Amino acid sequence: MSESRALLPGDGWEPVTGGESGALVFRSADGTRYAKCVFGDAAAGLAAERDRVEWLGAQGVPAPRVLDWTATTTGACLVTGTVPGVPADRVPAAALRAAWEPIADAVRRLHALPVAACPFSRDLAAMAATARDVVARGAVNPDFLPVEQQDTPAADLLARLEPQVERRLAQEAADAVVCHGDLCLPNIVLDPETLRVAGFIDLGRLGRADPYADLALLFATARERWAEEDGGDRNGARRAAEAEEAFAARYGIALDRDRERFYLHLDPLTWG
């Protein structure tokens, strides 16, 4: 913690709990800025995130604004402006349903950015290579896996996906979009009054990818949120499926559930 303090610009920073990236995150006392600090080899990844944040903001997509960057021989610190609003996982389930169409519109606009103009990649070849490395190191966090997979060896989970990779690569080549890369509800900030998307945050994985790399995570986290309200009953599952179909219709895609499951099961193997 003291090392991070040396990287922070000025005083008055408060530690923020939560987050899964391994970075140390701080919020300014007035709530207008966030700072993310990392050390060692992680500095290169944070620099890449800084570049993604700056690029996305220049495309007119609501995102944090880079305010400061510090890099030393031991670590780095990225300071961004706060996106005013509330993360989509923290609004009541009824409000999330009301925000569902605005979220679909915002994701569609993000995915409609010119792919050729995006200098960053989140392609399947890199995802698969990362998953193989994480699995080989025994570094998969079981808490990130679907509940029904948490007792299955990670190597077995990856082996189930490997036969699909070639086909999914062909689909990605045909349909690639500019993806958020970690499009779960906590990374979508809503205006609490209008329930429109105020901005996307945590952009370290933004890049060219298959749209299902985003849609799979969005649907899964929304499904979990609604299940909390519905108690996991069959009607709740049906309503979630109906919401996903409505999203797809507004977005302009016919859902491919097998493709969705592939990315939903691959993504947890890439964190480690």
Protein backbone atom coordinates (compact mmCIF):
# COMPACT_ATOMS: atom_id res chain seq x y z
CA MET A 1 0.00 0.00 0.00
CA SER A 2 2.80 2.45 0.85
CA GLU A 3 4.37 1.85 -2.56
CA SER A 4 1.09 2.83 -4.19
CA ARG A 5 0.91 6.01 -2.14
CA ALA A 6 4.22 7.07 -3.65
CA LEU A 7 2.70 6.79 -7.14
CA LEU A 8 -0.49 8.69 -6.36
CA PRO A 9 -0.67 12.39 -7.33
CA GLY A 10 -1.19 14.30 -4.10
CA ASP A 11 -3.04 13.29 -0.96
CA GLY A 12 -6.61 12.46 -0.04
CA TRP A 13 -6.92 9.10 -1.77
CA GLU A 14 -9.11 6.37 -0.27
CA PRO A 15 -8.64 2.66 -1.04
CA VAL A 16 -11.47 1.01 -2.94
CA THR A 17 -12.40 -2.56 -2.10
CA GLY A 18 -13.50 -5.01 -4.78
CA GLY A 19 -12.26 -5.57 -8.30
CA GLU A 20 -10.64 -8.63 -9.80
CA SER A 21 -7.71 -7.30 -11.80
CA GLY A 22 -5.13 -7.49 -9.01
CA ALA A 23 -4.48 -3.74 -9.25
CA LEU A 24 -4.77 -1.45 -6.24
CA VAL A 25 -7.58 1.03 -6.81
CA PHE A 26 -8.13 4.34 -5.02
CA ARG A 27 -10.82 7.03 -5.14
CA SER A 28 -10.23 10.72 -4.51
CA ALA A 29 -11.92 12.18 -1.44
CA ASP A 30 -14.31 14.22 -3.59
CA GLY A 31 -15.22 11.19 -5.70
CA THR A 32 -14.25 12.79 -9.01
CA ARG A 33 -11.18 10.63 -9.78
CA TYR A 34 -10.05 7.03 -9.62
CA ALA A 35 -6.44 5.82 -9.53
CA LYS A 36 -5.25 2.35 -10.46
CA CYS A 37 -1.76 1.33 -9.37
CA VAL A 38 0.23 -1.74 -10.42
CA PHE A 39 3.79 -2.99 -10.05
CA GLY A 40 6.36 -4.93 -12.02
CA ASP A 41 5.31 -6.47 -15.33
CA ALA A 42 1.70 -5.34 -14.81
CA ALA A 43 2.74 -1.76 -15.73
CA ALA A 44 2.73 -2.62 -19.43
CA GLY A 45 -0.85 -3.83 -19.17
CA LEU A 46 -1.90 -0.66 -17.38
CA ALA A 47 -0.26 1.45 -20.10
CA ALA A 48 -2.26 -0.53 -22.65
CA GLU A 49 -5.44 0.19 -20.70
CA ARG A 50 -4.60 3.91 -20.66
CA ASP A 51 -4.25 3.85 -24.45
CA ARG A 52 -7.60 2.08 -24.82
CA VAL A 53 -9.38 4.57 -22.58
CA GLU A 54 -7.99 7.48 -24.56
CA TRP A 55 -8.85 5.87 -27.89
CA LEU A 56 -12.43 5.00 -26.97
CA GLY A 57 -13.12 8.47 -25.63
CA ALA A 58 -11.92 9.94 -28.92
CA GLN A 59 -14.52 7.84 -30.74
CA GLY A 60 -17.38 9.57 -28.95
CA VAL A 61 -18.24 6.57 -26.79
CA PRO A 62 -18.83 7.56 -23.14
CA ALA A 63 -15.85 6.43 -21.10
CA PRO A 64 -13.55 7.73 -18.34
CA ARG A 65 -11.13 10.51 -19.19
CA VAL A 66 -7.40 10.03 -18.59
CA LEU A 67 -6.24 12.73 -16.17
CA ASP A 68 -2.78 11.60 -15.14
CA TRP A 69 -0.19 8.90 -15.77
CA THR A 70 2.84 8.06 -13.66
CA ALA A 71 5.42 5.39 -14.44
CA THR A 72 8.54 4.57 -12.46
CA THR A 73 11.06 1.75 -12.46
CA THR A 74 8.86 -0.18 -10.01
CA GLY A 75 5.28 0.54 -11.03
CA ALA A 76 2.69 2.73 -12.72
CA CYS A 77 -0.44 4.65 -11.81
CA LEU A 78 -3.34 5.64 -14.07
CA VAL A 79 -5.73 8.37 -12.91
CA THR A 80 -9.06 8.74 -14.68
CA GLY A 81 -12.13 10.87 -14.16
CA THR A 82 -15.17 9.27 -12.57
CA VAL A 83 -18.06 8.39 -14.86
CA PRO A 84 -21.02 9.82 -12.90
CA GLY A 85 -23.73 7.30 -12.24
CA VAL A 86 -24.28 3.86 -10.76
CA PRO A 87 -22.94 0.50 -12.00
CA ALA A 88 -25.66 -1.56 -13.66
CA ASP A 89 -25.28 -4.40 -11.15
CA ARG A 90 -26.23 -2.07 -8.30
CA VAL A 91 -29.60 -0.85 -9.53
CA PRO A 92 -32.80 -2.71 -8.58
CA ALA A 93 -33.70 -5.53 -10.94
CA ALA A 94 -36.73 -3.56 -12.18
CA ALA A 95 -34.48 -0.62 -13.06
CA LEU A 96 -32.11 -2.95 -14.90
CA ARG A 97 -35.04 -4.16 -16.98
CA ALA A 98 -35.97 -0.55 -17.74
CA ALA A 99 -32.35 0.14 -18.73
CA TRP A 100 -32.12 -2.95 -20.93
CA GLU A 101 -33.02 -1.22 -24.20
CA PRO A 102 -30.61 1.70 -23.56
CA ILE A 103 -27.89 -0.85 -22.75
CA ALA A 104 -28.60 -2.68 -26.03
CA ASP A 105 -28.38 0.61 -27.91
CA ALA A 106 -25.08 1.54 -26.23
CA VAL A 107 -23.53 -1.86 -26.93
CA ARG A 108 -24.70 -1.69 -30.54
CA ARG A 109 -23.04 1.72 -30.94
CA LEU A 110 -19.81 0.42 -29.40
CA HIS A 111 -19.81 -2.62 -31.66
CA ALA A 112 -20.57 -0.44 -34.69
CA LEU A 113 -17.27 1.45 -34.43
CA PRO A 114 -15.11 0.84 -37.52
CA VAL A 115 -13.15 -2.32 -36.80
CA ALA A 116 -10.34 -1.41 -39.17
CA ALA A 117 -9.75 1.82 -37.25
CA CYS A 118 -9.34 0.07 -33.89
CA PRO A 119 -5.64 -0.42 -33.07
CA PHE A 120 -6.33 -2.98 -30.33
CA SER A 121 -7.13 -6.67 -30.49
CA ARG A 122 -9.01 -8.98 -28.16
CA ASP A 123 -9.06 -11.74 -30.76
CA LEU A 124 -9.81 -15.38 -30.10
CA ALA A 125 -6.30 -16.52 -30.99
CA ALA A 126 -4.94 -14.40 -28.14
CA MET A 127 -7.74 -15.45 -25.77
CA ALA A 128 -7.10 -19.13 -26.46
CA ALA A 129 -3.34 -18.70 -26.00
CA THR A 130 -3.93 -16.91 -22.69
CA ALA A 131 -6.30 -19.64 -21.53
CA ARG A 132 -3.74 -22.34 -22.35
CA ASP A 133 -1.10 -20.48 -20.37
CA VAL A 134 -3.35 -19.85 -17.36
CA VAL A 135 -4.50 -23.47 -17.30
CA ALA A 136 -0.94 -24.80 -17.69
CA ARG A 137 0.16 -22.71 -14.71
CA GLY A 138 -2.76 -23.95 -12.61
CA ALA A 139 -3.81 -20.34 -12.13
CA VAL A 140 -7.53 -20.52 -12.96
CA ASN A 141 -9.65 -18.99 -10.21
CA PRO A 142 -12.55 -21.40 -9.65
CA ASP A 143 -14.72 -18.57 -8.33
CA PHE A 144 -14.81 -17.14 -11.86
CA LEU A 145 -16.20 -20.38 -13.30
CA PRO A 146 -19.89 -21.21 -13.68
CA VAL A 147 -21.04 -23.02 -10.54
CA GLU A 148 -21.56 -26.28 -12.39
CA GLN A 149 -17.91 -26.24 -13.57
CA GLN A 150 -16.15 -25.35 -10.34
CA ASP A 151 -15.35 -28.95 -9.43
CA THR A 152 -14.07 -29.85 -12.92
CA PRO A 153 -10.31 -29.67 -13.60
CA ALA A 154 -9.49 -26.59 -15.67
CA ALA A 155 -7.58 -28.72 -18.17
CA ASP A 156 -10.76 -30.70 -18.85
CA LEU A 157 -12.76 -27.49 -19.33
CA LEU A 158 -10.23 -26.21 -21.85
CA ALA A 159 -10.15 -29.57 -23.64
CA ARG A 160 -13.91 -29.29 -24.21
CA LEU A 161 -13.43 -25.94 -25.95
CA GLU A 162 -10.38 -26.71 -28.09
CA PRO A 163 -12.29 -28.59 -30.85
CA GLN A 164 -14.41 -25.49 -31.43
CA VAL A 165 -11.59 -22.96 -31.77
CA GLU A 166 -11.06 -23.28 -35.53
CA ARG A 167 -14.77 -22.78 -36.26
CA ARG A 168 -15.02 -19.85 -33.86
CA LEU A 169 -11.99 -18.22 -35.48
CA ALA A 170 -13.79 -18.30 -38.83
CA GLN A 171 -16.89 -16.74 -37.26
CA GLU A 172 -14.79 -14.03 -35.65
CA ALA A 173 -13.12 -13.21 -38.96
CA ALA A 174 -16.54 -12.70 -40.54
CA ASP A 175 -18.22 -10.80 -37.69
CA ALA A 176 -15.53 -9.02 -35.67
CA VAL A 177 -16.53 -5.82 -33.87
CA VAL A 178 -14.91 -3.44 -31.39
CA CYS A 179 -15.60 -5.22 -28.08
CA HIS A 180 -15.40 -3.95 -24.53
CA GLY A 181 -13.68 -7.19 -23.59
CA ASP A 182 -15.16 -7.51 -20.09
CA LEU A 183 -18.75 -6.43 -20.62
CA CYS A 184 -20.24 -7.43 -17.30
CA LEU A 185 -22.81 -5.30 -15.49
CA PRO A 186 -20.34 -3.64 -13.05
CA ASN A 187 -18.52 -2.14 -16.05
CA ILE A 188 -21.64 -0.41 -17.42
CA VAL A 189 -22.45 2.83 -15.60
CA LEU A 190 -26.06 4.06 -15.74
CA ASP A 191 -27.52 7.51 -15.21
CA PRO A 192 -29.78 6.83 -12.20
CA GLU A 193 -32.39 9.32 -13.43
CA THR A 194 -32.70 8.42 -17.12
CA LEU A 195 -31.31 4.85 -16.88
CA ARG A 196 -29.29 5.51 -20.00
CA VAL A 197 -25.67 4.38 -20.25
CA ALA A 198 -23.43 7.09 -18.82
CA GLY A 199 -20.25 5.24 -19.78
CA PHE A 200 -18.23 2.05 -20.01
CA ILE A 201 -15.41 1.52 -17.50
CA ASP A 202 -12.54 -0.98 -16.95
CA LEU A 203 -11.43 -1.00 -20.57
CA GLY A 204 -8.19 -2.97 -20.27
CA ARG A 205 -9.44 -5.71 -22.61
CA LEU A 206 -11.07 -3.54 -25.27
CA GLY A 207 -10.31 -4.56 -28.83
CA ARG A 208 -11.38 -6.31 -32.02
CA ALA A 209 -13.21 -9.55 -31.22
CA ASP A 210 -16.27 -11.67 -31.81
CA PRO A 211 -19.39 -9.84 -30.52
CA TYR A 212 -20.24 -12.88 -28.41
CA ALA A 213 -17.12 -12.24 -26.32
CA ASP A 214 -19.15 -9.31 -24.95
CA LEU A 215 -22.70 -10.61 -25.20
CA ALA A 216 -21.95 -13.83 -23.30
CA LEU A 217 -20.68 -11.92 -20.24
CA LEU A 218 -23.42 -9.31 -20.37
CA PHE A 219 -26.19 -11.89 -20.51
CA ALA A 220 -24.65 -14.06 -17.79
CA THR A 221 -24.26 -11.22 -15.30
CA ALA A 222 -27.75 -9.88 -16.03
CA ARG A 223 -29.14 -13.40 -15.58
CA GLU A 224 -27.49 -13.59 -12.15
CA ARG A 225 -28.90 -10.21 -11.15
CA TRP A 226 -32.44 -11.10 -12.16
CA ALA A 227 -32.17 -14.52 -10.50
CA GLU A 228 -31.58 -12.74 -7.20
CA GLU A 229 -34.94 -11.03 -7.61
CA ASP A 230 -36.80 -14.03 -8.98
CA GLY A 231 -35.38 -16.58 -6.57
CA GLY A 232 -34.04 -18.69 -9.41
CA ASP A 233 -37.48 -20.06 -10.33
CA ARG A 234 -38.45 -21.20 -13.80
CA ASN A 235 -40.41 -18.05 -14.51
CA GLY A 236 -37.30 -16.02 -13.73
CA ALA A 237 -35.23 -18.06 -16.16
CA ARG A 238 -37.92 -17.64 -18.81
CA ARG A 239 -38.06 -13.88 -18.28
CA ALA A 240 -34.27 -13.67 -18.55
CA ALA A 241 -34.33 -15.60 -21.83
CA GLU A 242 -37.06 -13.30 -23.14
CA ALA A 243 -34.98 -10.26 -22.18
CA GLU A 244 -31.97 -11.66 -24.03
CA GLU A 245 -34.06 -12.28 -27.15
CA ALA A 246 -35.42 -8.73 -26.92
CA PHE A 247 -31.87 -7.42 -26.58
CA ALA A 248 -30.79 -9.40 -29.62
CA ALA A 249 -33.70 -8.06 -31.68
CA ARG A 250 -32.86 -4.47 -30.77
CA TYR A 251 -29.13 -5.07 -31.32
CA GLY A 252 -29.88 -6.75 -34.66
CA ILE A 253 -28.63 -10.32 -34.25
CA ALA A 254 -30.12 -13.81 -34.15
CA LEU A 255 -28.76 -15.43 -31.01
CA ASP A 256 -26.39 -18.35 -31.42
CA ARG A 257 -26.51 -19.99 -28.00
CA ASP A 258 -23.67 -22.44 -28.72
CA ARG A 259 -21.40 -19.57 -29.68
CA GLU A 260 -22.47 -17.66 -26.58
CA ARG A 261 -21.65 -20.65 -24.34
CA PHE A 262 -18.25 -21.06 -25.95
CA TYR A 263 -17.18 -17.53 -24.98
CA LEU A 264 -18.87 -17.73 -21.57
CA HIS A 265 -16.82 -20.84 -20.76
CA LEU A 266 -13.58 -19.60 -22.31
CA ASP A 267 -13.45 -16.20 -20.58
CA PRO A 268 -12.95 -17.51 -16.99
CA LEU A 269 -9.93 -19.48 -18.17
CA THR A 270 -8.19 -16.27 -19.30
CA TRP A 271 -7.97 -14.68 -15.83
CA GLY A 272 -4.95 -15.79 -13.83
